[in-house]
Amino acid sequence: MNEAHITITGWVAAEPRYTMTPNGTPFLSLRVGCTPRRYDRQTGQWQDVETLFLTVNCWRGLADNVNASEFPRGTPVLVTGRLRIRQYERDGQWRFSAEVEAGTLGPDLQRGTADFRPVQRGGPLSEEDRQLARDAADEWALTAPAEDEPKAA
């Protein structure tokens, strides 16, 4: 697990864009801005440092939930996920893009309130669902070579 995990405290900088991939996977992308503040002892004032903008990508259930929620521009948010730095070429110059593959995204409750509504997932598994899972497990068991199985000690 040698991945760079990151937590961002920021605000929604652009309206989220929701779509479905060609194979039907929900996807949502949004820009999050983060403006660090530093205390200047000479002036006794807080100073804003240059704003950092990141693209945040959400997949599957998280994409659906963010899309069904209200995250207009300016909403304070907390994001956790895996940091990705992507390099690409445009107009003959190499550029870099900082992206976060979000694991979680929600409102920053230090700066406001929320009305949480749990998502209703599918109901309990039917007997047909359970049988399908048993059949799939049986297939794996039948196709695994016997010599690859761990031996009891």
N, C-alpha and C. Protein backbone atom coordinates (compact mmCIF):
# COMPACT_ATOMS: atom_id res chain seq x y z
N MET A 1 0.84 -1.17 0.00
CA MET A 1 0.00 0.00 0.00
C MET A 1 0.89 1.24 0.00
N ASN A 2 1.66 1.41 -1.03
CA ASN A 2 2.57 2.54 -1.15
C ASN A 2 1.94 3.65 -1.97
N GLU A 3 0.77 4.08 -1.57
CA GLU A 3 0.09 5.14 -2.28
C GLU A 3 0.04 6.38 -1.40
N ALA A 4 0.01 7.54 -2.03
CA ALA A 4 -0.06 8.80 -1.30
C ALA A 4 -1.52 9.12 -1.01
N HIS A 5 -1.91 8.99 0.24
CA HIS A 5 -3.26 9.35 0.66
C HIS A 5 -3.24 10.78 1.15
N ILE A 6 -4.32 11.50 0.88
CA ILE A 6 -4.37 12.92 1.15
C ILE A 6 -5.74 13.29 1.72
N THR A 7 -5.75 14.29 2.58
CA THR A 7 -6.99 14.88 3.07
C THR A 7 -6.97 16.35 2.71
N ILE A 8 -8.05 16.83 2.11
CA ILE A 8 -8.14 18.22 1.68
C ILE A 8 -9.29 18.89 2.41
N THR A 9 -9.02 20.05 2.96
CA THR A 9 -10.06 20.91 3.50
C THR A 9 -10.11 22.09 2.55
N GLY A 10 -11.24 22.24 1.86
CA GLY A 10 -11.33 23.29 0.85
C GLY A 10 -12.77 23.64 0.55
N TRP A 11 -13.01 24.03 -0.69
CA TRP A 11 -14.34 24.45 -1.12
C TRP A 11 -14.53 24.05 -2.57
N VAL A 12 -15.78 23.82 -2.95
CA VAL A 12 -16.10 23.43 -4.31
C VAL A 12 -15.87 24.65 -5.21
N ALA A 13 -14.96 24.51 -6.18
CA ALA A 13 -14.58 25.63 -7.03
C ALA A 13 -15.35 25.66 -8.35
N ALA A 14 -15.98 24.56 -8.73
CA ALA A 14 -16.77 24.49 -9.97
C ALA A 14 -17.87 23.46 -9.79
N GLU A 15 -18.96 23.66 -10.49
CA GLU A 15 -20.09 22.73 -10.39
C GLU A 15 -19.63 21.32 -10.74
N PRO A 16 -20.02 20.33 -9.94
CA PRO A 16 -19.65 18.95 -10.25
C PRO A 16 -20.21 18.51 -11.59
N ARG A 17 -19.45 17.64 -12.28
CA ARG A 17 -19.88 17.07 -13.56
C ARG A 17 -20.10 15.58 -13.37
N TYR A 18 -21.33 15.15 -13.62
CA TYR A 18 -21.71 13.75 -13.44
C TYR A 18 -21.98 13.11 -14.79
N THR A 19 -21.50 11.88 -14.94
CA THR A 19 -21.75 11.14 -16.18
C THR A 19 -21.69 9.65 -15.90
N MET A 20 -22.03 8.88 -16.89
CA MET A 20 -21.89 7.42 -16.83
C MET A 20 -20.85 7.03 -17.87
N THR A 21 -19.97 6.13 -17.51
CA THR A 21 -19.00 5.64 -18.48
C THR A 21 -19.73 4.76 -19.49
N PRO A 22 -19.10 4.46 -20.63
CA PRO A 22 -19.76 3.61 -21.63
C PRO A 22 -20.22 2.25 -21.08
N ASN A 23 -19.53 1.74 -20.05
CA ASN A 23 -19.96 0.44 -19.49
C ASN A 23 -20.93 0.61 -18.32
N GLY A 24 -21.43 1.84 -18.08
CA GLY A 24 -22.47 2.07 -17.09
C GLY A 24 -22.00 2.41 -15.69
N THR A 25 -20.71 2.71 -15.51
CA THR A 25 -20.19 3.05 -14.19
C THR A 25 -20.39 4.54 -13.93
N PRO A 26 -21.04 4.91 -12.81
CA PRO A 26 -21.21 6.32 -12.48
C PRO A 26 -19.86 6.99 -12.19
N PHE A 27 -19.71 8.22 -12.69
CA PHE A 27 -18.47 8.99 -12.51
C PHE A 27 -18.83 10.45 -12.29
N LEU A 28 -18.18 11.08 -11.30
CA LEU A 28 -18.39 12.49 -11.03
C LEU A 28 -17.03 13.14 -10.81
N SER A 29 -16.85 14.30 -11.41
CA SER A 29 -15.61 15.04 -11.29
C SER A 29 -15.93 16.46 -10.84
N LEU A 30 -15.12 17.01 -9.94
CA LEU A 30 -15.30 18.38 -9.52
C LEU A 30 -13.95 18.99 -9.17
N ARG A 31 -13.90 20.31 -9.13
CA ARG A 31 -12.68 21.03 -8.75
C ARG A 31 -12.84 21.50 -7.32
N VAL A 32 -11.80 21.31 -6.55
CA VAL A 32 -11.78 21.76 -5.17
C VAL A 32 -10.61 22.73 -5.01
N GLY A 33 -10.89 23.87 -4.40
CA GLY A 33 -9.86 24.86 -4.13
C GLY A 33 -9.48 24.83 -2.66
N CYS A 34 -8.23 25.08 -2.40
CA CYS A 34 -7.71 25.09 -1.03
C CYS A 34 -6.79 26.30 -0.91
N THR A 35 -7.15 27.23 -0.04
CA THR A 35 -6.35 28.44 0.14
C THR A 35 -5.77 28.46 1.55
N PRO A 36 -4.50 28.08 1.69
CA PRO A 36 -3.87 28.10 3.01
C PRO A 36 -3.75 29.54 3.54
N ARG A 37 -3.80 29.68 4.85
CA ARG A 37 -3.62 30.99 5.49
C ARG A 37 -2.43 30.90 6.44
N ARG A 38 -1.67 31.96 6.47
CA ARG A 38 -0.51 32.04 7.35
C ARG A 38 -0.61 33.33 8.17
N TYR A 39 -0.17 33.24 9.41
CA TYR A 39 -0.18 34.41 10.27
C TYR A 39 1.11 35.19 10.08
N ASP A 40 0.99 36.45 9.74
CA ASP A 40 2.14 37.33 9.55
C ASP A 40 2.38 38.07 10.87
N ARG A 41 3.45 37.72 11.56
CA ARG A 41 3.74 38.32 12.87
C ARG A 41 4.06 39.81 12.78
N GLN A 42 4.61 40.22 11.65
CA GLN A 42 4.97 41.64 11.50
C GLN A 42 3.74 42.52 11.43
N THR A 43 2.73 42.08 10.70
CA THR A 43 1.52 42.89 10.55
C THR A 43 0.44 42.51 11.55
N GLY A 44 0.58 41.33 12.17
CA GLY A 44 -0.44 40.87 13.09
C GLY A 44 -1.72 40.44 12.37
N GLN A 45 -1.62 40.11 11.09
CA GLN A 45 -2.78 39.75 10.27
C GLN A 45 -2.60 38.37 9.66
N TRP A 46 -3.72 37.74 9.35
CA TRP A 46 -3.70 36.50 8.59
C TRP A 46 -3.60 36.84 7.11
N GLN A 47 -2.76 36.11 6.38
CA GLN A 47 -2.56 36.34 4.95
C GLN A 47 -2.92 35.06 4.19
N ASP A 48 -3.66 35.23 3.08
CA ASP A 48 -3.95 34.09 2.21
C ASP A 48 -2.73 33.80 1.35
N VAL A 49 -2.42 32.50 1.21
CA VAL A 49 -1.35 32.05 0.33
C VAL A 49 -2.01 31.64 -0.99
N GLU A 50 -1.22 31.43 -2.02
CA GLU A 50 -1.76 31.07 -3.33
C GLU A 50 -2.68 29.85 -3.25
N THR A 51 -3.83 29.95 -3.91
CA THR A 51 -4.82 28.87 -3.92
C THR A 51 -4.35 27.70 -4.76
N LEU A 52 -4.56 26.49 -4.23
CA LEU A 52 -4.25 25.26 -4.94
C LEU A 52 -5.58 24.67 -5.40
N PHE A 53 -5.67 24.32 -6.69
CA PHE A 53 -6.87 23.70 -7.23
C PHE A 53 -6.56 22.27 -7.61
N LEU A 54 -7.44 21.35 -7.21
CA LEU A 54 -7.28 19.94 -7.49
C LEU A 54 -8.55 19.40 -8.15
N THR A 55 -8.38 18.45 -9.04
CA THR A 55 -9.51 17.74 -9.60
C THR A 55 -9.80 16.55 -8.70
N VAL A 56 -11.05 16.40 -8.31
CA VAL A 56 -11.46 15.28 -7.46
C VAL A 56 -12.38 14.39 -8.28
N ASN A 57 -12.00 13.11 -8.40
CA ASN A 57 -12.78 12.14 -9.16
C ASN A 57 -13.47 11.17 -8.21
N CYS A 58 -14.77 10.98 -8.41
CA CYS A 58 -15.57 10.07 -7.60
C CYS A 58 -16.14 8.99 -8.52
N TRP A 59 -16.17 7.78 -8.03
CA TRP A 59 -16.66 6.64 -8.81
C TRP A 59 -17.80 5.95 -8.10
N ARG A 60 -18.62 5.29 -8.85
CA ARG A 60 -19.69 4.39 -8.40
C ARG A 60 -20.62 5.05 -7.38
N GLY A 61 -20.78 4.41 -6.22
CA GLY A 61 -21.73 4.89 -5.21
C GLY A 61 -21.41 6.29 -4.72
N LEU A 62 -20.12 6.60 -4.56
CA LEU A 62 -19.75 7.94 -4.12
C LEU A 62 -20.17 8.97 -5.16
N ALA A 63 -19.98 8.65 -6.43
CA ALA A 63 -20.41 9.56 -7.50
C ALA A 63 -21.91 9.78 -7.45
N ASP A 64 -22.67 8.70 -7.28
CA ASP A 64 -24.13 8.83 -7.19
C ASP A 64 -24.55 9.67 -6.00
N ASN A 65 -23.92 9.44 -4.85
CA ASN A 65 -24.29 10.17 -3.63
C ASN A 65 -23.93 11.65 -3.71
N VAL A 66 -22.77 11.97 -4.24
CA VAL A 66 -22.39 13.38 -4.39
C VAL A 66 -23.34 14.06 -5.38
N ASN A 67 -23.68 13.36 -6.45
CA ASN A 67 -24.59 13.91 -7.44
C ASN A 67 -25.98 14.17 -6.85
N ALA A 68 -26.43 13.30 -5.96
CA ALA A 68 -27.75 13.46 -5.35
C ALA A 68 -27.74 14.49 -4.23
N SER A 69 -26.58 14.91 -3.78
CA SER A 69 -26.44 15.90 -2.71
C SER A 69 -26.29 17.28 -3.30
N GLU A 70 -26.33 18.27 -2.44
CA GLU A 70 -26.14 19.65 -2.90
C GLU A 70 -24.73 20.10 -2.59
N PHE A 71 -23.91 20.21 -3.62
CA PHE A 71 -22.55 20.71 -3.51
C PHE A 71 -22.33 21.82 -4.53
N PRO A 72 -23.06 22.94 -4.38
CA PRO A 72 -22.85 24.03 -5.33
C PRO A 72 -21.49 24.68 -5.11
N ARG A 73 -21.10 25.48 -6.05
CA ARG A 73 -19.84 26.22 -5.97
C ARG A 73 -19.77 26.99 -4.66
N GLY A 74 -18.62 26.91 -3.98
CA GLY A 74 -18.42 27.61 -2.73
C GLY A 74 -18.68 26.78 -1.49
N THR A 75 -19.25 25.58 -1.63
CA THR A 75 -19.54 24.72 -0.49
C THR A 75 -18.23 24.25 0.15
N PRO A 76 -18.07 24.44 1.47
CA PRO A 76 -16.87 23.93 2.13
C PRO A 76 -16.93 22.40 2.23
N VAL A 77 -15.85 21.74 1.85
CA VAL A 77 -15.83 20.28 1.82
C VAL A 77 -14.56 19.72 2.44
N LEU A 78 -14.65 18.45 2.82
CA LEU A 78 -13.51 17.63 3.22
C LEU A 78 -13.44 16.47 2.25
N VAL A 79 -12.26 16.19 1.74
CA VAL A 79 -12.06 15.11 0.78
C VAL A 79 -10.89 14.27 1.25
N THR A 80 -11.06 12.96 1.20
CA THR A 80 -9.92 12.06 1.42
C THR A 80 -9.81 11.16 0.20
N GLY A 81 -8.60 10.76 -0.11
CA GLY A 81 -8.42 9.86 -1.25
C GLY A 81 -6.97 9.69 -1.62
N ARG A 82 -6.76 9.10 -2.80
CA ARG A 82 -5.41 8.84 -3.29
C ARG A 82 -4.99 9.96 -4.23
N LEU A 83 -3.81 10.50 -3.98
CA LEU A 83 -3.26 11.57 -4.80
C LEU A 83 -2.63 10.97 -6.06
N ARG A 84 -2.94 11.59 -7.19
CA ARG A 84 -2.35 11.19 -8.46
C ARG A 84 -1.83 12.45 -9.15
N ILE A 85 -0.61 12.40 -9.64
CA ILE A 85 -0.04 13.49 -10.43
C ILE A 85 0.06 12.96 -11.85
N ARG A 86 -0.66 13.60 -12.75
CA ARG A 86 -0.70 13.15 -14.15
C ARG A 86 0.05 14.14 -15.01
N GLN A 87 0.88 13.63 -15.89
CA GLN A 87 1.65 14.46 -16.82
C GLN A 87 1.06 14.28 -18.21
N TYR A 88 0.91 15.39 -18.93
CA TYR A 88 0.38 15.34 -20.29
C TYR A 88 0.97 16.47 -21.11
N GLU A 89 0.84 16.35 -22.43
CA GLU A 89 1.38 17.36 -23.33
C GLU A 89 0.25 18.13 -23.99
N ARG A 90 0.37 19.45 -24.02
CA ARG A 90 -0.61 20.30 -24.71
C ARG A 90 0.15 21.50 -25.28
N ASP A 91 -0.14 21.79 -26.52
CA ASP A 91 0.50 22.91 -27.22
C ASP A 91 2.02 22.82 -27.18
N GLY A 92 2.53 21.58 -27.27
CA GLY A 92 3.97 21.37 -27.31
C GLY A 92 4.67 21.52 -25.97
N GLN A 93 3.91 21.67 -24.88
CA GLN A 93 4.51 21.82 -23.55
C GLN A 93 3.99 20.73 -22.62
N TRP A 94 4.88 20.25 -21.75
CA TRP A 94 4.48 19.26 -20.76
C TRP A 94 3.80 19.98 -19.60
N ARG A 95 2.70 19.43 -19.17
CA ARG A 95 1.94 20.00 -18.06
C ARG A 95 1.67 18.91 -17.04
N PHE A 96 1.31 19.35 -15.82
CA PHE A 96 1.00 18.42 -14.74
C PHE A 96 -0.38 18.73 -14.19
N SER A 97 -1.07 17.70 -13.76
CA SER A 97 -2.39 17.85 -13.17
C SER A 97 -2.43 17.06 -11.87
N ALA A 98 -2.81 17.72 -10.78
CA ALA A 98 -2.97 17.04 -9.49
C ALA A 98 -4.42 16.58 -9.38
N GLU A 99 -4.60 15.30 -9.17
CA GLU A 99 -5.94 14.72 -9.08
C GLU A 99 -6.04 13.88 -7.83
N VAL A 100 -7.25 13.78 -7.29
CA VAL A 100 -7.51 12.94 -6.13
C VAL A 100 -8.61 11.96 -6.51
N GLU A 101 -8.33 10.67 -6.35
CA GLU A 101 -9.37 9.66 -6.51
C GLU A 101 -10.02 9.52 -5.14
N ALA A 102 -11.20 10.13 -4.99
CA ALA A 102 -11.83 10.27 -3.68
C ALA A 102 -12.31 8.94 -3.12
N GLY A 103 -12.07 8.78 -1.84
CA GLY A 103 -12.65 7.67 -1.08
C GLY A 103 -13.85 8.18 -0.31
N THR A 104 -13.74 9.43 0.17
CA THR A 104 -14.84 10.09 0.87
C THR A 104 -14.88 11.55 0.46
N LEU A 105 -16.07 12.12 0.51
CA LEU A 105 -16.26 13.54 0.23
C LEU A 105 -17.51 13.97 0.98
N GLY A 106 -17.40 15.06 1.72
CA GLY A 106 -18.56 15.53 2.46
C GLY A 106 -18.42 16.98 2.84
N PRO A 107 -19.49 17.55 3.38
CA PRO A 107 -19.44 18.95 3.81
C PRO A 107 -18.54 19.10 5.03
N ASP A 108 -17.89 20.26 5.14
CA ASP A 108 -17.05 20.56 6.29
C ASP A 108 -17.96 21.08 7.40
N LEU A 109 -18.24 20.26 8.40
CA LEU A 109 -19.20 20.61 9.44
C LEU A 109 -18.65 21.63 10.44
N GLN A 110 -17.39 21.99 10.31
CA GLN A 110 -16.87 23.08 11.13
C GLN A 110 -17.39 24.42 10.61
N ARG A 111 -17.80 24.44 9.34
CA ARG A 111 -18.26 25.68 8.72
C ARG A 111 -19.74 25.67 8.34
N GLY A 112 -20.47 24.66 8.79
CA GLY A 112 -21.90 24.61 8.49
C GLY A 112 -22.52 23.34 9.02
N THR A 113 -23.79 23.14 8.71
CA THR A 113 -24.50 21.95 9.15
C THR A 113 -24.90 21.11 7.95
N ALA A 114 -25.31 19.89 8.22
CA ALA A 114 -25.74 18.99 7.16
C ALA A 114 -26.97 18.22 7.62
N ASP A 115 -27.73 17.75 6.66
CA ASP A 115 -28.88 16.90 6.91
C ASP A 115 -28.60 15.57 6.23
N PHE A 116 -28.02 14.63 6.99
CA PHE A 116 -27.59 13.35 6.43
C PHE A 116 -28.79 12.45 6.18
N ARG A 117 -28.82 11.85 5.00
CA ARG A 117 -29.87 10.90 4.65
C ARG A 117 -29.18 9.64 4.13
N PRO A 118 -29.27 8.53 4.87
CA PRO A 118 -28.63 7.31 4.39
C PRO A 118 -29.25 6.86 3.07
N VAL A 119 -28.43 6.29 2.22
CA VAL A 119 -28.88 5.79 0.93
C VAL A 119 -29.54 4.45 1.15
N GLN A 120 -30.65 4.24 0.50
CA GLN A 120 -31.33 2.95 0.55
C GLN A 120 -30.69 2.03 -0.47
N ARG A 121 -29.99 1.06 0.00
CA ARG A 121 -29.40 0.07 -0.88
C ARG A 121 -30.44 -0.98 -1.21
N GLY A 122 -30.09 -1.88 -2.10
CA GLY A 122 -31.00 -2.97 -2.44
C GLY A 122 -31.38 -3.74 -1.19
N GLY A 123 -32.51 -4.36 -1.22
CA GLY A 123 -33.01 -5.12 -0.07
C GLY A 123 -32.16 -6.34 0.22
N PRO A 124 -32.68 -7.21 1.07
CA PRO A 124 -31.93 -8.42 1.40
C PRO A 124 -31.76 -9.30 0.17
N LEU A 125 -30.74 -10.12 0.22
CA LEU A 125 -30.47 -11.02 -0.90
C LEU A 125 -31.58 -12.04 -1.05
N SER A 126 -31.96 -12.28 -2.28
CA SER A 126 -32.95 -13.31 -2.55
C SER A 126 -32.25 -14.67 -2.56
N GLU A 127 -33.05 -15.73 -2.54
CA GLU A 127 -32.47 -17.08 -2.61
C GLU A 127 -31.75 -17.28 -3.94
N GLU A 128 -32.25 -16.65 -5.02
CA GLU A 128 -31.59 -16.74 -6.32
C GLU A 128 -30.21 -16.08 -6.27
N ASP A 129 -30.12 -14.89 -5.58
CA ASP A 129 -28.83 -14.21 -5.42
C ASP A 129 -27.84 -15.11 -4.67
N ARG A 130 -28.32 -15.72 -3.60
CA ARG A 130 -27.45 -16.58 -2.78
C ARG A 130 -26.98 -17.80 -3.60
N GLN A 131 -27.88 -18.36 -4.38
CA GLN A 131 -27.51 -19.53 -5.20
C GLN A 131 -26.47 -19.14 -6.25
N LEU A 132 -26.63 -17.97 -6.87
CA LEU A 132 -25.66 -17.47 -7.84
C LEU A 132 -24.28 -17.34 -7.20
N ALA A 133 -24.23 -16.80 -5.96
CA ALA A 133 -22.95 -16.65 -5.25
C ALA A 133 -22.35 -18.03 -4.95
N ARG A 134 -23.18 -19.00 -4.54
CA ARG A 134 -22.66 -20.35 -4.27
C ARG A 134 -22.12 -20.99 -5.54
N ASP A 135 -22.84 -20.81 -6.65
CA ASP A 135 -22.38 -21.38 -7.93
C ASP A 135 -21.05 -20.78 -8.35
N ALA A 136 -20.90 -19.47 -8.19
CA ALA A 136 -19.64 -18.81 -8.55
C ALA A 136 -18.50 -19.31 -7.68
N ALA A 137 -18.75 -19.48 -6.38
CA ALA A 137 -17.71 -19.99 -5.47
C ALA A 137 -17.34 -21.42 -5.85
N ASP A 138 -18.35 -22.22 -6.22
CA ASP A 138 -18.07 -23.60 -6.63
C ASP A 138 -17.20 -23.63 -7.88
N GLU A 139 -17.46 -22.72 -8.83
CA GLU A 139 -16.66 -22.67 -10.06
C GLU A 139 -15.19 -22.40 -9.74
N TRP A 140 -14.94 -21.43 -8.82
CA TRP A 140 -13.56 -21.13 -8.44
C TRP A 140 -12.92 -22.34 -7.80
N ALA A 141 -13.66 -23.04 -6.96
CA ALA A 141 -13.11 -24.21 -6.27
C ALA A 141 -12.78 -25.33 -7.27
N LEU A 142 -13.62 -25.49 -8.28
CA LEU A 142 -13.40 -26.56 -9.26
C LEU A 142 -12.26 -26.27 -10.22
N THR A 143 -11.97 -24.99 -10.47
CA THR A 143 -10.92 -24.64 -11.44
C THR A 143 -9.56 -24.42 -10.81
N ALA A 144 -9.48 -24.35 -9.47
CA ALA A 144 -8.19 -24.13 -8.80
C ALA A 144 -7.37 -25.41 -8.84
N PRO A 145 -6.11 -25.35 -9.30
CA PRO A 145 -5.25 -26.54 -9.30
C PRO A 145 -5.00 -27.01 -7.88
N ALA A 146 -5.05 -28.29 -7.67
CA ALA A 146 -4.88 -28.86 -6.33
C ALA A 146 -3.51 -28.57 -5.75
N GLU A 147 -2.45 -28.53 -6.58
CA GLU A 147 -1.09 -28.30 -6.05
C GLU A 147 -0.90 -26.88 -5.55
N ASP A 148 -1.78 -25.92 -5.94
CA ASP A 148 -1.64 -24.55 -5.47
C ASP A 148 -2.31 -24.33 -4.10
N GLU A 149 -3.05 -25.34 -3.63
CA GLU A 149 -3.74 -25.16 -2.36
C GLU A 149 -2.72 -25.25 -1.23
N PRO A 150 -2.88 -24.40 -0.18
CA PRO A 150 -1.96 -24.46 0.96
C PRO A 150 -2.13 -25.78 1.70
N LYS A 151 -1.04 -26.33 2.18
CA LYS A 151 -1.06 -27.59 2.91
C LYS A 151 -1.22 -27.29 4.39
N ALA A 152 -1.98 -28.12 5.08
CA ALA A 152 -2.16 -27.94 6.52
C ALA A 152 -0.86 -28.28 7.24
N ALA A 153 -0.57 -27.52 8.29
CA ALA A 153 0.68 -27.73 9.03
C ALA A 153 0.50 -28.73 10.13
